[in-house]
Amino acid sequence: MTRILVMGHKSPDADSVSSCIAMAEHAQMKPGAEVKYFIAEPLPQNLAWMTEYLHPQVEIIADVKRAIAWKPEKFIVVDCKPIEWRTGFPIEKYIEDSYNDYSFLEPVSILNIDHHADRVNETYNYDVDIVLDPRASSTAEMISKRYSNNHILYAGMATDTGYFKYSYPSRAMETIVKLEVTDDEISKFRDNLEIKMDAKQLKTMFKSDIKYYTVAGKSLVIIQIPSTDEKILISFFNMIRGFDFAAIIQKNGNTSLRTRSNLDLAQIAKKFKGGGHPQASGCVVNNVDKFVKEYMKFIRGGM
């Protein structure tokens, strides 16, 4: 029997909790595994409901002394560094003590899964198998692609993308579609996590075509929305704030252009029956490929 302890970070959020639940299930499915989920602090009320998705054979341990006494042989640490001040478990000392404990037939191992960019090139005094992807929207997204299809991962992806408002959520959206989360679950998650869109609107967002480019050293995002829903449009407006240039093309061809550069977008908008302000303009796009080429040409010419 292999004793595996799964843990996230103190002051837990939905990404950490959902990732722990999914990885605990993944580990429990392995032959000869006994898995427990360690939480250093009680889950707040808005997250406690998530444990409904925990594998029935996985026990939650909230007492660090009891967790140590259980003598875990493997750790799975998600969404944070595998150190005590983040997890609440004295991993560093536990590893050191295990070297002098002859009841351990093999060295204690650690699998660490995270998406935070500040983890790049990080080293430890003990062996850690780090799975890191700074491009991922969340640790939940990483886990859904590599280890689990537990529907609770939706919660982690939804919250860590600001309910799909931050930049680069398209990979998370693609992953959520593959999870096949039901409409009832989306409604439940939406209520518990205060997501402001209904199931139909969220699915429309998932179906949107989002493409990213680098033009003359500047970032450009082109978004094609298969609807004219204002709430979805507003969500994408929030999402594109970090880009140098953006174009949101709706189903009827109405297109919104945005930039944080000094280029006058009204100039490119006039070529497509539109106009507006230097940093915010609108036009009508009937041929997306032609428009994208002209937009990129316009950016290059002004940089």
C-alpha atoms as a PDB file:
ATOM      1  CA  MET A   1       0.000   0.000   0.000  1.00  0.00           C
ATOM      2  CA  THR A   2       1.397   3.408  -1.016  1.00  0.00           C
ATOM      3  CA  ARG A   3       0.358   6.328   1.189  1.00  0.00           C
ATOM      4  CA  ILE A   4      -0.190   9.480  -0.890  1.00  0.00           C
ATOM      5  CA  LEU A   5      -0.939  12.879   0.624  1.00  0.00           C
ATOM      6  CA  VAL A   6      -2.449  15.546  -1.648  1.00  0.00           C
ATOM      7  CA  MET A   7      -2.360  19.204  -0.671  1.00  0.00           C
ATOM      8  CA  GLY A   8      -2.751  22.742  -2.002  1.00  0.00           C
ATOM      9  CA  HIS A   9      -2.004  26.089  -0.403  1.00  0.00           C
ATOM     10  CA  LYS A  10      -3.179  27.855   2.718  1.00  0.00           C
ATOM     11  CA  SER A  11      -5.971  30.399   2.209  1.00  0.00           C
ATOM     12  CA  PRO A  12      -7.403  28.018  -0.402  1.00  0.00           C
ATOM     13  CA  ASP A  13      -9.117  29.152  -3.580  1.00  0.00           C
ATOM     14  CA  ALA A  14     -11.210  27.233  -6.110  1.00  0.00           C
ATOM     15  CA  ASP A  15      -8.210  26.403  -8.299  1.00  0.00           C
ATOM     16  CA  SER A  16      -6.297  24.853  -5.410  1.00  0.00           C
ATOM     17  CA  VAL A  17      -9.292  22.931  -4.017  1.00  0.00           C
ATOM     18  CA  SER A  18     -10.517  21.608  -7.373  1.00  0.00           C
ATOM     19  CA  SER A  19      -6.982  20.578  -8.329  1.00  0.00           C
ATOM     20  CA  CYS A  20      -6.511  18.695  -5.050  1.00  0.00           C
ATOM     21  CA  ILE A  21      -9.838  16.899  -5.444  1.00  0.00           C
ATOM     22  CA  ALA A  22      -9.060  15.847  -9.015  1.00  0.00           C
ATOM     23  CA  MET A  23      -5.513  14.690  -8.244  1.00  0.00           C
ATOM     24  CA  ALA A  24      -6.684  12.784  -5.163  1.00  0.00           C
ATOM     25  CA  GLU A  25      -9.159  10.920  -7.365  1.00  0.00           C
ATOM     26  CA  HIS A  26      -6.455  10.280  -9.958  1.00  0.00           C
ATOM     27  CA  ALA A  27      -4.074   8.908  -7.322  1.00  0.00           C
ATOM     28  CA  GLN A  28      -6.779   6.795  -5.646  1.00  0.00           C
ATOM     29  CA  MET A  29      -7.438   4.978  -8.906  1.00  0.00           C
ATOM     30  CA  LYS A  30      -3.922   3.573  -8.940  1.00  0.00           C
ATOM     31  CA  PRO A  31      -3.598  -0.026  -7.630  1.00  0.00           C
ATOM     32  CA  GLY A  32      -2.316  -0.236  -4.070  1.00  0.00           C
ATOM     33  CA  ALA A  33      -2.778   3.476  -3.326  1.00  0.00           C
ATOM     34  CA  GLU A  34      -4.230   4.974  -0.155  1.00  0.00           C
ATOM     35  CA  VAL A  35      -4.880   8.681  -0.537  1.00  0.00           C
ATOM     36  CA  LYS A  36      -5.695  11.491   1.861  1.00  0.00           C
ATOM     37  CA  TYR A  37      -6.345  15.182   1.210  1.00  0.00           C
ATOM     38  CA  PHE A  38      -4.613  17.526   3.668  1.00  0.00           C
ATOM     39  CA  ILE A  39      -6.079  20.979   4.272  1.00  0.00           C
ATOM     40  CA  ALA A  40      -4.163  23.293   6.586  1.00  0.00           C
ATOM     41  CA  GLU A  41      -7.125  25.626   7.055  1.00  0.00           C
ATOM     42  CA  PRO A  42     -10.877  24.933   6.973  1.00  0.00           C
ATOM     43  CA  LEU A  43     -12.478  25.432   3.584  1.00  0.00           C
ATOM     44  CA  PRO A  44     -14.635  28.579   3.443  1.00  0.00           C
ATOM     45  CA  GLN A  45     -18.353  28.077   2.917  1.00  0.00           C
ATOM     46  CA  ASN A  46     -18.224  29.081  -0.749  1.00  0.00           C
ATOM     47  CA  LEU A  47     -15.693  26.281  -1.421  1.00  0.00           C
ATOM     48  CA  ALA A  48     -16.720  23.537   1.028  1.00  0.00           C
ATOM     49  CA  TRP A  49     -19.425  22.253  -1.355  1.00  0.00           C
ATOM     50  CA  MET A  50     -16.683  21.238  -3.807  1.00  0.00           C
ATOM     51  CA  THR A  51     -15.751  18.216  -1.690  1.00  0.00           C
ATOM     52  CA  GLU A  52     -18.903  16.525  -3.062  1.00  0.00           C
ATOM     53  CA  TYR A  53     -16.659  15.690  -6.026  1.00  0.00           C
ATOM     54  CA  LEU A  54     -13.994  14.019  -3.849  1.00  0.00           C
ATOM     55  CA  HIS A  55     -13.485  10.278  -4.336  1.00  0.00           C
ATOM     56  CA  PRO A  56     -15.443   8.477  -1.564  1.00  0.00           C
ATOM     57  CA  GLN A  57     -12.350   6.571  -0.415  1.00  0.00           C
ATOM     58  CA  VAL A  58     -10.266   9.726   0.005  1.00  0.00           C
ATOM     59  CA  GLU A  59     -10.272  11.075   3.555  1.00  0.00           C
ATOM     60  CA  ILE A  60      -9.746  14.732   4.409  1.00  0.00           C
ATOM     61  CA  ILE A  61      -7.140  15.379   7.121  1.00  0.00           C
ATOM     62  CA  ALA A  62      -7.188  18.818   8.759  1.00  0.00           C
ATOM     63  CA  ASP A  63      -4.687  18.051  11.547  1.00  0.00           C
ATOM     64  CA  VAL A  64      -1.021  18.389  10.579  1.00  0.00           C
ATOM     65  CA  LYS A  65       0.175  16.131  13.425  1.00  0.00           C
ATOM     66  CA  ARG A  66      -2.165  13.398  12.312  1.00  0.00           C
ATOM     67  CA  ALA A  67      -1.007  13.815   8.721  1.00  0.00           C
ATOM     68  CA  ILE A  68       2.640  13.427   9.793  1.00  0.00           C
ATOM     69  CA  ALA A  69       1.838  10.395  11.953  1.00  0.00           C
ATOM     70  CA  TRP A  70       0.217   8.738   8.917  1.00  0.00           C
ATOM     71  CA  LYS A  71       3.707   8.719   7.337  1.00  0.00           C
ATOM     72  CA  PRO A  72       2.973   9.679   3.732  1.00  0.00           C
ATOM     73  CA  GLU A  73       5.361   8.147   1.204  1.00  0.00           C
ATOM     74  CA  LYS A  74       4.386  10.400  -1.687  1.00  0.00           C
ATOM     75  CA  PHE A  75       3.186  13.975  -1.863  1.00  0.00           C
ATOM     76  CA  ILE A  76       1.161  15.638  -4.593  1.00  0.00           C
ATOM     77  CA  VAL A  77       1.356  19.413  -4.125  1.00  0.00           C
ATOM     78  CA  VAL A  78      -0.765  21.565  -6.437  1.00  0.00           C
ATOM     79  CA  ASP A  79      -1.020  25.262  -7.241  1.00  0.00           C
ATOM     80  CA  CYS A  80       1.861  26.326  -4.974  1.00  0.00           C
ATOM     81  CA  LYS A  81       5.449  25.670  -3.919  1.00  0.00           C
ATOM     82  CA  PRO A  82       6.055  22.427  -1.959  1.00  0.00           C
ATOM     83  CA  ILE A  83       7.155  24.233   1.196  1.00  0.00           C
ATOM     84  CA  GLU A  84       5.665  24.666   4.665  1.00  0.00           C
ATOM     85  CA  TRP A  85       4.753  28.350   4.592  1.00  0.00           C
ATOM     86  CA  ARG A  86       2.578  27.752   1.519  1.00  0.00           C
ATOM     87  CA  THR A  87       1.052  24.355   2.320  1.00  0.00           C
ATOM     88  CA  GLY A  88       0.956  24.369   6.108  1.00  0.00           C
ATOM     89  CA  PHE A  89       2.702  20.992   6.144  1.00  0.00           C
ATOM     90  CA  PRO A  90       6.392  20.885   7.246  1.00  0.00           C
ATOM     91  CA  ILE A  91       7.577  19.201   4.060  1.00  0.00           C
ATOM     92  CA  GLU A  92      11.199  20.261   4.397  1.00  0.00           C
ATOM     93  CA  LYS A  93      11.606  18.788   7.900  1.00  0.00           C
ATOM     94  CA  TYR A  94       9.515  15.732   7.020  1.00  0.00           C
ATOM     95  CA  ILE A  95      11.815  14.907   4.095  1.00  0.00           C
ATOM     96  CA  GLU A  96      14.899  15.364   6.284  1.00  0.00           C
ATOM     97  CA  ASP A  97      13.482  13.157   9.042  1.00  0.00           C
ATOM     98  CA  SER A  98      12.493  10.452   6.547  1.00  0.00           C
ATOM     99  CA  TYR A  99      16.152   9.931   5.592  1.00  0.00           C
ATOM    100  CA  ASN A 100      16.819   8.731   9.153  1.00  0.00           C
ATOM    101  CA  ASP A 101      13.633   6.671   9.412  1.00  0.00           C
ATOM    102  CA  TYR A 102      14.351   3.107   8.323  1.00  0.00           C
ATOM    103  CA  SER A 103      10.650   2.311   8.032  1.00  0.00           C
ATOM    104  CA  PHE A 104      10.737   4.127   4.680  1.00  0.00           C
ATOM    105  CA  LEU A 105      11.869   1.577   2.114  1.00  0.00           C
ATOM    106  CA  GLU A 106      12.190   4.247  -0.589  1.00  0.00           C
ATOM    107  CA  PRO A 107      12.870   8.008  -0.500  1.00  0.00           C
ATOM    108  CA  VAL A 108       9.788  10.174  -0.111  1.00  0.00           C
ATOM    109  CA  SER A 109       8.769  11.608  -3.482  1.00  0.00           C
ATOM    110  CA  ILE A 110       6.999  14.842  -4.415  1.00  0.00           C
ATOM    111  CA  LEU A 111       4.956  15.635  -7.521  1.00  0.00           C
ATOM    112  CA  ASN A 112       4.391  19.383  -7.789  1.00  0.00           C
ATOM    113  CA  ILE A 113       1.901  20.765 -10.351  1.00  0.00           C
ATOM    114  CA  ASP A 114       1.648  24.528 -10.830  1.00  0.00           C
ATOM    115  CA  HIS A 115       1.054  27.245 -13.413  1.00  0.00           C
ATOM    116  CA  HIS A 116       2.664  30.291 -11.765  1.00  0.00           C
ATOM    117  CA  ALA A 117       5.401  31.876 -13.887  1.00  0.00           C
ATOM    118  CA  ASP A 118       7.603  32.799 -10.913  1.00  0.00           C
ATOM    119  CA  ARG A 119       8.321  29.087 -10.434  1.00  0.00           C
ATOM    120  CA  VAL A 120      10.591  28.893 -13.511  1.00  0.00           C
ATOM    121  CA  ASN A 121      14.159  27.692 -12.736  1.00  0.00           C
ATOM    122  CA  GLU A 122      13.271  26.997  -9.098  1.00  0.00           C
ATOM    123  CA  THR A 123      15.370  24.453  -7.162  1.00  0.00           C
ATOM    124  CA  TYR A 124      15.049  22.655  -3.820  1.00  0.00           C
ATOM    125  CA  ASN A 125      17.288  20.802  -1.399  1.00  0.00           C
ATOM    126  CA  TYR A 126      15.157  17.704  -1.944  1.00  0.00           C
ATOM    127  CA  ASP A 127      13.890  15.932  -5.031  1.00  0.00           C
ATOM    128  CA  VAL A 128      10.758  17.439  -6.562  1.00  0.00           C
ATOM    129  CA  ASP A 129       9.192  16.415  -9.848  1.00  0.00           C
ATOM    130  CA  ILE A 130       7.846  19.783 -11.017  1.00  0.00           C
ATOM    131  CA  VAL A 131       5.193  19.937 -13.732  1.00  0.00           C
ATOM    132  CA  LEU A 132       4.973  23.631 -14.648  1.00  0.00           C
ATOM    133  CA  ASP A 133       3.097  25.447 -17.409  1.00  0.00           C
ATOM    134  CA  PRO A 134       3.025  29.270 -17.068  1.00  0.00           C
ATOM    135  CA  ARG A 135       0.881  29.451 -20.215  1.00  0.00           C
ATOM    136  CA  ALA A 136      -1.984  27.656 -18.498  1.00  0.00           C
ATOM    137  CA  SER A 137      -4.823  29.724 -17.086  1.00  0.00           C
ATOM    138  CA  SER A 138      -4.869  27.625 -13.930  1.00  0.00           C
ATOM    139  CA  THR A 139      -3.520  24.483 -12.323  1.00  0.00           C
ATOM    140  CA  ALA A 140      -6.971  22.984 -12.901  1.00  0.00           C
ATOM    141  CA  GLU A 141      -6.480  23.426 -16.649  1.00  0.00           C
ATOM    142  CA  MET A 142      -3.158  21.563 -16.495  1.00  0.00           C
ATOM    143  CA  ILE A 143      -4.661  18.709 -14.508  1.00  0.00           C
ATOM    144  CA  SER A 144      -7.652  18.384 -16.819  1.00  0.00           C
ATOM    145  CA  LYS A 145      -5.300  17.946 -19.778  1.00  0.00           C
ATOM    146  CA  ARG A 146      -2.881  15.512 -18.149  1.00  0.00           C
ATOM    147  CA  TYR A 147      -4.536  13.620 -15.332  1.00  0.00           C
ATOM    148  CA  SER A 148      -8.279  13.937 -14.757  1.00  0.00           C
ATOM    149  CA  ASN A 149     -11.677  14.802 -16.236  1.00  0.00           C
ATOM    150  CA  ASN A 150     -13.315  15.476 -12.864  1.00  0.00           C
ATOM    151  CA  HIS A 151     -15.971  18.121 -13.514  1.00  0.00           C
ATOM    152  CA  ILE A 152     -14.982  20.097 -10.423  1.00  0.00           C
ATOM    153  CA  LEU A 153     -11.949  21.341 -12.397  1.00  0.00           C
ATOM    154  CA  TYR A 154     -14.392  23.709 -14.088  1.00  0.00           C
ATOM    155  CA  ALA A 155     -14.486  25.689 -10.837  1.00  0.00           C
ATOM    156  CA  GLY A 156     -10.717  26.186 -10.825  1.00  0.00           C
ATOM    157  CA  MET A 157     -10.610  27.281 -14.445  1.00  0.00           C
ATOM    158  CA  ALA A 158     -13.602  29.596 -14.078  1.00  0.00           C
ATOM    159  CA  THR A 159     -12.232  31.465 -11.080  1.00  0.00           C
ATOM    160  CA  ASP A 160      -8.598  31.664 -12.175  1.00  0.00           C
ATOM    161  CA  THR A 161      -9.641  33.256 -15.469  1.00  0.00           C
ATOM    162  CA  GLY A 162     -11.785  35.787 -13.619  1.00  0.00           C
ATOM    163  CA  TYR A 163     -14.853  33.958 -14.928  1.00  0.00           C
ATOM    164  CA  PHE A 164     -13.319  33.988 -18.423  1.00  0.00           C
ATOM    165  CA  LYS A 165     -12.504  37.711 -18.474  1.00  0.00           C
ATOM    166  CA  TYR A 166      -8.687  37.667 -18.281  1.00  0.00           C
ATOM    167  CA  SER A 167      -6.300  37.360 -21.196  1.00  0.00           C
ATOM    168  CA  TYR A 168      -5.587  33.966 -22.765  1.00  0.00           C
ATOM    169  CA  PRO A 169      -8.560  31.968 -21.445  1.00  0.00           C
ATOM    170  CA  SER A 170      -9.150  30.201 -24.767  1.00  0.00           C
ATOM    171  CA  ARG A 171      -7.131  27.109 -23.805  1.00  0.00           C
ATOM    172  CA  ALA A 172      -9.188  26.825 -20.633  1.00  0.00           C
ATOM    173  CA  MET A 173     -12.386  27.129 -22.640  1.00  0.00           C
ATOM    174  CA  GLU A 174     -11.324  24.338 -24.984  1.00  0.00           C
ATOM    175  CA  THR A 175     -10.524  22.165 -21.989  1.00  0.00           C
ATOM    176  CA  ILE A 176     -13.876  22.866 -20.330  1.00  0.00           C
ATOM    177  CA  VAL A 177     -15.700  21.763 -23.460  1.00  0.00           C
ATOM    178  CA  LYS A 178     -13.822  18.446 -23.323  1.00  0.00           C
ATOM    179  CA  LEU A 179     -14.831  17.989 -19.686  1.00  0.00           C
ATOM    180  CA  GLU A 180     -18.459  17.748 -20.865  1.00  0.00           C
ATOM    181  CA  VAL A 181     -19.780  19.590 -17.842  1.00  0.00           C
ATOM    182  CA  THR A 182     -23.573  19.409 -17.844  1.00  0.00           C
ATOM    183  CA  ASP A 183     -25.893  22.414 -17.974  1.00  0.00           C
ATOM    184  CA  ASP A 184     -27.118  21.636 -14.462  1.00  0.00           C
ATOM    185  CA  GLU A 185     -23.543  21.563 -13.159  1.00  0.00           C
ATOM    186  CA  ILE A 186     -22.694  24.839 -14.880  1.00  0.00           C
ATOM    187  CA  SER A 187     -25.736  26.414 -13.239  1.00  0.00           C
ATOM    188  CA  LYS A 188     -24.693  25.003  -9.870  1.00  0.00           C
ATOM    189  CA  PHE A 189     -21.103  26.195 -10.245  1.00  0.00           C
ATOM    190  CA  ARG A 190     -22.335  29.539 -11.517  1.00  0.00           C
ATOM    191  CA  ASP A 191     -24.484  30.035  -8.419  1.00  0.00           C
ATOM    192  CA  ASN A 192     -21.807  28.884  -5.976  1.00  0.00           C
ATOM    193  CA  LEU A 193     -18.961  30.779  -7.639  1.00  0.00           C
ATOM    194  CA  GLU A 194     -21.060  33.782  -8.662  1.00  0.00           C
ATOM    195  CA  ILE A 195     -20.418  33.386 -12.383  1.00  0.00           C
ATOM    196  CA  LYS A 196     -22.618  35.935 -14.111  1.00  0.00           C
ATOM    197  CA  MET A 197     -23.476  33.991 -17.279  1.00  0.00           C
ATOM    198  CA  ASP A 198     -25.943  31.201 -17.862  1.00  0.00           C
ATOM    199  CA  ALA A 199     -25.029  27.879 -19.455  1.00  0.00           C
ATOM    200  CA  LYS A 200     -25.999  28.957 -22.982  1.00  0.00           C
ATOM    201  CA  GLN A 201     -23.890  32.112 -22.795  1.00  0.00           C
ATOM    202  CA  LEU A 202     -20.880  30.247 -21.431  1.00  0.00           C
ATOM    203  CA  LYS A 203     -21.090  27.644 -24.162  1.00  0.00           C
ATOM    204  CA  THR A 204     -21.249  30.424 -26.746  1.00  0.00           C
ATOM    205  CA  MET A 205     -18.046  31.862 -25.288  1.00  0.00           C
ATOM    206  CA  PHE A 206     -16.414  28.442 -25.536  1.00  0.00           C
ATOM    207  CA  LYS A 207     -17.325  28.261 -29.221  1.00  0.00           C
ATOM    208  CA  SER A 208     -15.785  31.652 -29.984  1.00  0.00           C
ATOM    209  CA  ASP A 209     -12.725  31.585 -32.232  1.00  0.00           C
ATOM    210  CA  ILE A 210      -9.803  33.325 -30.512  1.00  0.00           C
ATOM    211  CA  LYS A 211      -6.484  33.823 -32.295  1.00  0.00           C
ATOM    212  CA  TYR A 212      -3.343  35.542 -31.049  1.00  0.00           C
ATOM    213  CA  TYR A 213      -0.636  37.218 -33.115  1.00  0.00           C
ATOM    214  CA  THR A 214       2.563  39.168 -32.619  1.00  0.00           C
ATOM    215  CA  VAL A 215       2.858  42.019 -35.115  1.00  0.00           C
ATOM    216  CA  ALA A 216       5.814  44.408 -35.143  1.00  0.00           C
ATOM    217  CA  GLY A 217       6.521  43.354 -31.561  1.00  0.00           C
ATOM    218  CA  LYS A 218       2.961  44.111 -30.441  1.00  0.00           C
ATOM    219  CA  SER A 219       0.258  41.687 -29.283  1.00  0.00           C
ATOM    220  CA  LEU A 220      -2.913  41.310 -31.326  1.00  0.00           C
ATOM    221  CA  VAL A 221      -6.003  39.232 -30.539  1.00  0.00           C
ATOM    222  CA  ILE A 222      -8.822  38.519 -33.005  1.00  0.00           C
ATOM    223  CA  ILE A 223     -12.044  37.160 -31.516  1.00  0.00           C
ATOM    224  CA  GLN A 224     -14.976  35.879 -33.562  1.00  0.00           C
ATOM    225  CA  ILE A 225     -18.162  35.567 -31.496  1.00  0.00           C
ATOM    226  CA  PRO A 226     -20.959  33.367 -32.917  1.00  0.00           C
ATOM    227  CA  SER A 227     -23.608  35.671 -31.406  1.00  0.00           C
ATOM    228  CA  THR A 228     -24.527  39.307 -30.763  1.00  0.00           C
ATOM    229  CA  ASP A 229     -25.089  38.876 -27.004  1.00  0.00           C
ATOM    230  CA  GLU A 230     -24.046  42.084 -25.224  1.00  0.00           C
ATOM    231  CA  LYS A 231     -23.094  40.276 -22.005  1.00  0.00           C
ATOM    232  CA  ILE A 232     -20.655  38.052 -23.904  1.00  0.00           C
ATOM    233  CA  LEU A 233     -19.279  41.078 -25.745  1.00  0.00           C
ATOM    234  CA  ILE A 234     -18.640  42.891 -22.458  1.00  0.00           C
ATOM    235  CA  SER A 235     -16.820  39.847 -21.072  1.00  0.00           C
ATOM    236  CA  PHE A 236     -14.509  39.837 -24.068  1.00  0.00           C
ATOM    237  CA  PHE A 237     -13.930  43.577 -23.684  1.00  0.00           C
ATOM    238  CA  ASN A 238     -12.683  42.857 -20.161  1.00  0.00           C
ATOM    239  CA  MET A 239     -10.497  40.053 -21.449  1.00  0.00           C
ATOM    240  CA  ILE A 240      -8.659  42.082 -24.128  1.00  0.00           C
ATOM    241  CA  ARG A 241      -7.439  44.886 -21.875  1.00  0.00           C
ATOM    242  CA  GLY A 242      -3.896  43.496 -21.701  1.00  0.00           C
ATOM    243  CA  PHE A 243      -3.361  43.439 -25.465  1.00  0.00           C
ATOM    244  CA  ASP A 244      -1.833  46.142 -27.650  1.00  0.00           C
ATOM    245  CA  PHE A 245      -4.445  45.609 -30.366  1.00  0.00           C
ATOM    246  CA  ALA A 246      -7.732  43.715 -30.510  1.00  0.00           C
ATOM    247  CA  ALA A 247     -10.705  43.115 -32.760  1.00  0.00           C
ATOM    248  CA  ILE A 248     -13.965  41.517 -31.622  1.00  0.00           C
ATOM    249  CA  ILE A 249     -16.056  40.379 -34.579  1.00  0.00           C
ATOM    250  CA  GLN A 250     -19.694  39.501 -33.904  1.00  0.00           C
ATOM    251  CA  LYS A 251     -21.919  37.127 -35.853  1.00  0.00           C
ATOM    252  CA  ASN A 252     -23.519  39.994 -37.816  1.00  0.00           C
ATOM    253  CA  GLY A 253     -20.128  41.421 -38.823  1.00  0.00           C
ATOM    254  CA  ASN A 254     -20.198  44.312 -36.365  1.00  0.00           C
ATOM    255  CA  THR A 255     -16.625  44.688 -35.173  1.00  0.00           C
ATOM    256  CA  SER A 256     -15.089  46.538 -32.238  1.00  0.00           C
ATOM    257  CA  LEU A 257     -11.465  47.642 -32.462  1.00  0.00           C
ATOM    258  CA  ARG A 258      -9.354  48.518 -29.434  1.00  0.00           C
ATOM    259  CA  THR A 259      -5.749  49.539 -28.809  1.00  0.00           C
ATOM    260  CA  ARG A 260      -3.569  50.934 -26.057  1.00  0.00           C
ATOM    261  CA  SER A 261      -1.056  52.275 -28.613  1.00  0.00           C
ATOM    262  CA  ASN A 262      -0.914  55.728 -30.193  1.00  0.00           C
ATOM    263  CA  LEU A 263      -2.167  54.514 -33.582  1.00  0.00           C
ATOM    264  CA  ASP A 264      -5.485  55.960 -34.763  1.00  0.00           C
ATOM    265  CA  LEU A 265      -7.835  52.995 -35.212  1.00  0.00           C
ATOM    266  CA  ALA A 266     -10.365  55.186 -36.998  1.00  0.00           C
ATOM    267  CA  GLN A 267      -8.090  55.047 -40.046  1.00  0.00           C
ATOM    268  CA  ILE A 268      -8.354  51.264 -40.417  1.00  0.00           C
ATOM    269  CA  ALA A 269     -12.036  51.322 -39.440  1.00  0.00           C
ATOM    270  CA  LYS A 270     -12.857  53.687 -42.348  1.00  0.00           C
ATOM    271  CA  LYS A 271     -11.617  51.047 -44.800  1.00  0.00           C
ATOM    272  CA  PHE A 272     -14.392  48.769 -43.527  1.00  0.00           C
ATOM    273  CA  LYS A 273     -17.366  51.160 -43.440  1.00  0.00           C
ATOM    274  CA  GLY A 274     -16.668  52.398 -39.944  1.00  0.00           C
ATOM    275  CA  GLY A 275     -14.967  54.995 -37.814  1.00  0.00           C
ATOM    276  CA  GLY A 276     -14.679  56.170 -34.255  1.00  0.00           C
ATOM    277  CA  HIS A 277     -11.982  57.237 -31.821  1.00  0.00           C
ATOM    278  CA  PRO A 278      -8.198  56.686 -31.984  1.00  0.00           C
ATOM    279  CA  GLN A 279      -8.199  53.929 -29.346  1.00  0.00           C
ATOM    280  CA  ALA A 280     -11.752  52.617 -29.821  1.00  0.00           C
ATOM    281  CA  SER A 281     -13.418  52.281 -33.195  1.00  0.00           C
ATOM    282  CA  GLY A 282     -15.991  50.139 -34.950  1.00  0.00           C
ATOM    283  CA  CYS A 283     -16.568  48.773 -38.440  1.00  0.00           C
ATOM    284  CA  VAL A 284     -18.289  46.003 -40.397  1.00  0.00           C
ATOM    285  CA  VAL A 285     -16.321  42.882 -41.349  1.00  0.00           C
ATOM    286  CA  ASN A 286     -17.671  40.533 -44.017  1.00  0.00           C
ATOM    287  CA  ASN A 287     -14.378  38.838 -44.930  1.00  0.00           C
ATOM    288  CA  VAL A 288     -12.419  38.009 -41.771  1.00  0.00           C
ATOM    289  CA  ASP A 289      -9.212  36.877 -43.520  1.00  0.00           C
ATOM    290  CA  LYS A 290      -9.050  40.064 -45.570  1.00  0.00           C
ATOM    291  CA  PHE A 291      -9.697  42.189 -42.503  1.00  0.00           C
ATOM    292  CA  VAL A 292      -6.998  40.471 -40.429  1.00  0.00           C
ATOM    293  CA  LYS A 293      -4.419  40.994 -43.190  1.00  0.00           C
ATOM    294  CA  GLU A 294      -5.318  44.692 -43.450  1.00  0.00           C
ATOM    295  CA  TYR A 295      -5.269  45.119 -39.667  1.00  0.00           C
ATOM    296  CA  MET A 296      -1.822  43.539 -39.406  1.00  0.00           C
ATOM    297  CA  LYS A 297      -0.598  45.686 -42.332  1.00  0.00           C
ATOM    298  CA  PHE A 298      -1.944  48.777 -40.570  1.00  0.00           C
ATOM    299  CA  ILE A 299      -0.103  47.885 -37.337  1.00  0.00           C
ATOM    300  CA  ARG A 300       3.182  47.211 -39.121  1.00  0.00           C
ATOM    301  CA  GLY A 301       2.929  50.491 -41.015  1.00  0.00           C
ATOM    302  CA  GLY A 302       2.465  52.505 -37.860  1.00  0.00           C
ATOM    303  CA  MET A 303       5.087  50.897 -35.665  1.00  0.00           C
END
